[in-house]
Protein backbone atom coordinates (compact mmCIF):
# COMPACT_ATOMS: atom_id res chain seq x y z
CA MET A 1 -2.39 -0.14 -17.77
CA ALA A 2 -5.68 2.70 -16.49
CA SER A 3 -7.57 2.04 -13.49
CA GLY A 4 -10.37 0.04 -14.24
CA LEU A 5 -9.17 -1.96 -16.71
CA SER A 6 -9.66 -5.95 -17.25
CA THR A 7 -6.57 -7.41 -19.78
CA ARG A 8 -5.49 -11.14 -19.89
CA GLY A 9 -7.67 -12.62 -16.83
CA LEU A 10 -6.53 -9.44 -14.50
CA ILE A 11 -8.47 -6.98 -12.92
CA PHE A 12 -7.44 -4.56 -11.91
CA ARG A 13 -9.15 -1.39 -9.75
CA GLN A 14 -7.98 1.63 -8.33
CA LEU A 15 -8.85 3.28 -5.07
CA PHE A 16 -8.68 6.70 -3.74
CA ASP A 17 -9.55 7.87 -0.37
CA ARG A 18 -10.02 11.67 -0.66
CA GLU A 19 -9.10 12.52 2.61
CA SER A 20 -6.27 11.45 3.53
CA CYS A 21 -4.68 10.83 -0.47
CA THR A 22 -4.64 7.27 -0.91
CA TYR A 23 -4.63 4.69 -2.92
CA SER A 24 -6.47 0.96 -2.99
CA TYR A 25 -6.01 -1.81 -5.14
CA ILE A 26 -7.94 -4.70 -5.63
CA LEU A 27 -6.59 -6.85 -7.94
CA GLY A 28 -8.13 -10.17 -9.18
CA ASP A 29 -8.06 -13.20 -11.34
CA ALA A 30 -11.27 -13.21 -13.46
CA ASN A 31 -10.59 -17.47 -13.79
CA THR A 32 -10.84 -18.40 -10.09
CA LYS A 33 -11.50 -15.03 -9.00
CA GLU A 34 -9.56 -14.86 -5.67
CA ALA A 35 -8.96 -11.61 -5.64
CA ILE A 36 -6.49 -9.09 -2.81
CA LEU A 37 -6.41 -6.02 -2.56
CA ILE A 38 -3.91 -3.91 -1.44
CA ASP A 39 -3.59 -0.46 1.25
CA PRO A 40 -6.99 -0.52 2.29
CA VAL A 41 -8.28 2.21 4.20
CA PHE A 42 -10.79 1.91 7.15
CA GLY A 43 -13.20 4.68 6.49
CA LEU A 44 -14.02 2.86 3.05
CA ALA A 45 -13.68 -0.73 3.61
CA GLN A 46 -17.26 -0.97 3.38
CA ARG A 47 -16.72 0.81 -0.31
CA ASP A 48 -14.03 -2.24 -0.71
CA ARG A 49 -16.71 -5.14 0.48
CA THR A 50 -19.55 -4.17 -1.83
CA LEU A 51 -16.66 -3.96 -5.59
CA VAL A 52 -15.09 -6.71 -4.28
CA GLU A 53 -18.88 -8.32 -4.12
CA GLU A 54 -20.47 -6.75 -6.82
CA LEU A 55 -17.43 -8.37 -9.48
CA GLY A 56 -17.46 -11.88 -7.80
CA LEU A 57 -14.20 -12.12 -6.48
CA ASN A 58 -13.09 -14.36 -3.48
CA LEU A 59 -10.95 -11.77 -1.17
CA ARG A 60 -7.93 -13.97 0.22
CA TYR A 61 -5.41 -10.78 1.14
CA VAL A 62 -5.08 -7.89 2.69
CA MET A 63 -2.18 -6.53 2.35
CA ASN A 64 -0.46 -3.49 3.23
CA THR A 65 2.77 -1.37 2.27
CA HIS A 66 3.58 -0.16 5.59
CA VAL A 67 2.16 0.72 8.52
CA HIS A 68 0.82 3.19 7.74
CA ALA A 69 0.75 6.90 9.63
CA ASP A 70 -1.38 9.13 7.84
CA HIS A 71 -4.84 6.50 7.88
CA VAL A 72 -5.96 3.56 9.93
CA THR A 73 -6.32 1.06 7.78
CA GLY A 74 -9.62 -1.15 6.41
CA THR A 75 -6.99 -4.52 7.09
CA GLY A 76 -8.95 -5.42 10.60
CA LEU A 77 -12.35 -4.31 9.76
CA LEU A 78 -12.45 -6.63 6.52
CA LYS A 79 -11.68 -9.50 8.01
CA GLU A 80 -13.89 -9.45 10.04
CA THR A 81 -17.53 -8.36 8.08
CA LEU A 82 -16.18 -10.81 5.30
CA GLY A 83 -14.70 -14.16 8.12
CA THR A 84 -11.74 -15.86 8.77
CA SER A 85 -11.18 -16.87 4.81
CA VAL A 86 -9.49 -13.39 4.34
CA LYS A 87 -5.29 -13.21 5.82
CA SER A 88 -4.44 -10.14 6.79
CA VAL A 89 -0.44 -9.33 5.17
CA ILE A 90 2.51 -7.20 6.07
CA SER A 91 6.44 -7.43 6.31
CA SER A 92 7.64 -9.28 9.97
CA ALA A 93 10.10 -6.14 9.92
CA SER A 94 6.48 -3.83 10.25
CA GLY A 95 7.05 -4.89 13.59
CA ALA A 96 2.85 -5.23 12.77
CA ASP A 97 0.76 -8.51 13.51
CA ALA A 98 -0.21 -10.29 10.46
CA ASN A 99 -1.91 -13.32 9.73
CA VAL A 100 0.34 -13.11 7.23
CA LYS A 101 4.47 -11.72 7.41
CA LEU A 102 6.53 -11.42 4.62
CA ASN A 103 10.12 -11.32 2.99
CA HIS A 104 12.06 -9.39 0.87
CA GLY A 105 12.08 -11.78 -2.72
CA ASP A 106 8.87 -13.76 -1.19
CA ASN A 107 5.14 -14.39 -3.77
CA LEU A 108 2.27 -13.91 -2.34
CA SER A 109 0.17 -15.89 -5.08
CA PHE A 110 -3.72 -15.02 -6.21
CA GLY A 111 -5.09 -17.49 -8.73
CA ASN A 112 -3.05 -18.56 -11.68
CA PHE A 113 -0.89 -14.77 -10.98
CA THR A 114 1.46 -13.99 -8.12
CA LEU A 115 3.12 -10.78 -6.36
CA GLU A 116 7.62 -10.78 -5.80
CA VAL A 117 7.32 -9.33 -2.38
CA ARG A 118 10.14 -6.79 -2.57
CA GLY A 119 11.97 -5.10 0.91
CA THR A 120 12.39 -1.43 0.94
CA PRO A 121 13.20 -0.06 3.54
CA GLY A 122 13.58 4.13 4.43
CA HIS A 123 9.92 5.72 5.39
CA THR A 124 9.55 2.81 7.59
CA ASN A 125 11.95 -0.23 8.09
CA GLY A 126 7.90 -2.38 7.13
CA CYS A 127 7.60 -0.46 4.34
CA VAL A 128 7.65 -3.03 1.28
CA CYS A 129 7.06 -2.98 -2.40
CA TYR A 130 5.11 -5.36 -4.49
CA VAL A 131 6.32 -6.45 -8.25
CA PHE A 132 3.17 -7.57 -10.18
CA HIS A 133 5.45 -8.96 -12.81
CA GLU A 134 2.11 -10.17 -15.91
CA GLY A 135 1.19 -7.17 -15.99
CA ARG A 136 4.37 -5.14 -15.29
CA MET A 137 3.66 -3.17 -12.16
CA VAL A 138 4.96 -2.37 -9.16
CA PHE A 139 3.41 -1.24 -5.90
CA THR A 140 5.04 0.71 -4.61
CA GLY A 141 3.63 1.96 -0.81
CA ASP A 142 5.60 5.36 0.12
CA THR A 143 8.60 4.39 -0.99
CA LEU A 144 8.58 5.71 -4.40
CA LEU A 145 6.04 8.50 -4.57
CA ILE A 146 4.85 10.43 -8.75
CA ARG A 147 8.19 12.55 -8.89
CA GLY A 148 8.32 11.68 -4.97
CA CYS A 149 9.24 10.03 -2.02
CA GLY A 150 7.77 8.93 1.42
CA ARG A 151 9.00 11.49 4.39
CA THR A 152 12.38 10.16 6.75
CA ASP A 153 12.27 12.57 9.26
CA PHE A 154 9.58 9.91 11.50
CA GLN A 155 9.22 5.81 12.63
CA GLU A 156 12.92 5.23 11.54
CA GLY A 157 12.61 6.67 8.62
CA SER A 158 15.84 7.19 6.84
CA ALA A 159 17.16 9.59 4.07
CA GLU A 160 19.89 7.21 2.59
CA THR A 161 18.20 4.25 3.35
CA LEU A 162 15.37 4.83 0.92
CA TYR A 163 17.57 6.23 -1.47
CA ASN A 164 19.36 3.15 -1.89
CA SER A 165 16.09 1.21 -1.24
CA VAL A 166 14.08 2.82 -4.84
CA LYS A 167 18.12 2.73 -6.62
CA THR A 168 18.07 -0.87 -5.78
CA GLN A 169 14.64 -1.99 -6.17
CA ILE A 170 12.73 0.28 -7.69
CA PHE A 171 14.91 1.80 -10.67
CA GLU A 172 16.62 -1.94 -11.52
CA LEU A 173 13.15 -3.17 -12.71
CA PRO A 174 11.82 -2.32 -16.88
CA GLU A 175 11.65 0.53 -17.43
CA ASP A 176 7.50 0.26 -19.22
CA TYR A 177 6.72 -1.01 -15.51
CA LEU A 178 3.72 1.40 -14.10
CA VAL A 179 4.66 2.86 -10.33
CA TYR A 180 1.04 3.29 -8.58
CA PRO A 181 1.55 4.70 -5.00
CA ALA A 182 0.26 4.86 -1.89
CA HIS A 183 -0.40 8.52 -2.19
CA ASP A 184 -0.70 11.43 -4.51
CA TYR A 185 -2.05 15.43 -4.05
CA LYS A 186 -2.20 16.60 -7.13
CA GLY A 187 -3.93 14.17 -9.09
CA MET A 188 -1.95 11.86 -10.67
CA THR A 189 -2.71 8.18 -10.51
CA CYS A 190 0.04 6.20 -11.61
CA SER A 191 3.91 6.85 -13.57
CA SER A 192 6.78 4.34 -14.25
CA VAL A 193 10.08 3.10 -13.50
CA GLY A 194 11.37 4.98 -16.70
CA GLU A 195 9.90 7.53 -16.73
CA GLU A 196 10.86 8.32 -12.33
CA LYS A 197 14.06 7.47 -13.71
CA LYS A 198 13.67 10.20 -15.90
CA PHE A 199 12.12 13.30 -13.78
CA ASN A 200 11.69 12.42 -9.98
CA PRO A 201 13.19 15.69 -9.09
CA ARG A 202 14.60 13.89 -5.81
CA LEU A 203 14.79 11.21 -6.64
CA THR A 204 17.00 12.04 -10.10
CA LYS A 205 20.12 13.59 -7.58
CA ASP A 206 23.22 12.00 -6.04
CA ILE A 207 22.57 10.49 -2.11
CA ASP A 208 24.79 13.19 -0.31
CA THR A 209 21.64 15.98 -2.80
CA PHE A 210 19.34 14.19 -1.27
CA LYS A 211 19.78 13.72 2.22
CA ALA A 212 20.02 17.12 1.68
CA ILE A 213 16.51 17.65 0.28
CA MET A 214 15.46 15.10 2.65
CA ASP A 215 16.57 17.18 5.60
CA ASN A 216 14.97 20.22 5.08
CA LEU A 217 11.18 19.40 3.29
CA GLY A 218 9.94 21.13 6.54
CA LEU A 219 6.84 19.22 6.43
CA PRO A 220 4.07 19.20 9.36
CA TYR A 221 3.82 16.27 12.51
CA PRO A 222 1.37 13.83 10.82
CA LYS A 223 -1.81 14.40 12.16
CA MET A 224 -3.32 11.00 12.30
CA LEU A 225 0.40 9.60 13.57
CA ASP A 226 -0.68 8.94 17.43
CA LYS A 227 -3.30 6.94 16.25
CA ALA A 228 -2.41 5.27 13.21
CA VAL A 229 0.34 4.12 14.01
CA PRO A 230 -1.18 2.10 17.19
CA ALA A 231 -3.85 0.71 15.83
CA ASN A 232 -1.78 -0.29 12.36
CA LYS A 233 0.23 -2.87 14.45
CA VAL A 234 -2.75 -4.81 14.65
CA CYS A 235 -4.84 -4.09 11.44
CA GLY A 236 -6.55 -1.23 13.02
CA LEU A 237 -8.69 -2.93 15.29
CA TYR A 238 -6.46 -0.91 18.40
CA ASN A 239 -8.01 2.71 20.32
CA LEU A 240 -10.04 4.07 17.56
CA PRO A 241 -11.09 7.13 17.51
CA PRO A 242 -15.02 7.16 18.85
CA GLU A 243 -16.35 7.71 15.76
CA MET A 244 -14.33 4.86 14.01
CA GLU A 245 -15.11 3.14 16.63
CA GLU A 246 -18.80 3.51 15.57
CA VAL A 247 -18.28 2.68 12.47
CA LEU A 248 -16.88 -0.81 13.28
CA LYS A 249 -19.79 -1.84 16.04
CA SER A 250 -22.28 -1.08 13.32
CA THR A 251 -20.75 -3.30 10.22
CA ASN A 252 -20.41 -6.06 13.14
CA LYS A 253 -24.23 -5.23 14.26
CA ASN A 254 -25.48 -6.15 10.74
CA ASN A 255 -23.53 -9.01 9.93
CA ASN A 256 -24.36 -11.15 13.30
């Protein structure tokens, strides 16, 4: 399913943040106009709101796949601008505030469509994937990336846990299910379960080799970690950098 395609009553948009290489996703029911937004970015909340309004959608849930460390979520800002009818959503294992806290096996509906929640810890304790069976899609957050996966060297990370999460919760899905991650750094927009089972250079290995790979990535300390994680624990509205505070003040002023 390509970005922007509408089919069988589904409205689907894949959006991108150049700075953090984050993908956000809008899914809507064209008949009831109910919609959800997955993994919004603070600095692009106005873009997301405008698109939702242009499409004539009523945003019901703003959802995160986990507590992000590389950007501040747009969840709180969207709730501030769109009102109390919009509910924030995150995993109960994340330890973050939200209107709706999900557990493995829960289902979340928008219009006539439903997402299945699958707990996929490993990158963080609170990582979840959202499986959209009607559309044969899975939104994998940082648990499974295209030809990669989320790092496991901070924020409760565990290579063994992540490996088991992918194998039991994602790779057990039908191989034609499309994989939509939270990030991509090489210009890839989506993959499939079958592709990742065959070509993922980390997760095609045995567990011991995978752990060795993850232990030796040598990645730098995330530059936004100390700002993003505390903010994202409360929907992105705590201890914001000055430039983000100005965005929030400007938004509130324009909506009064």
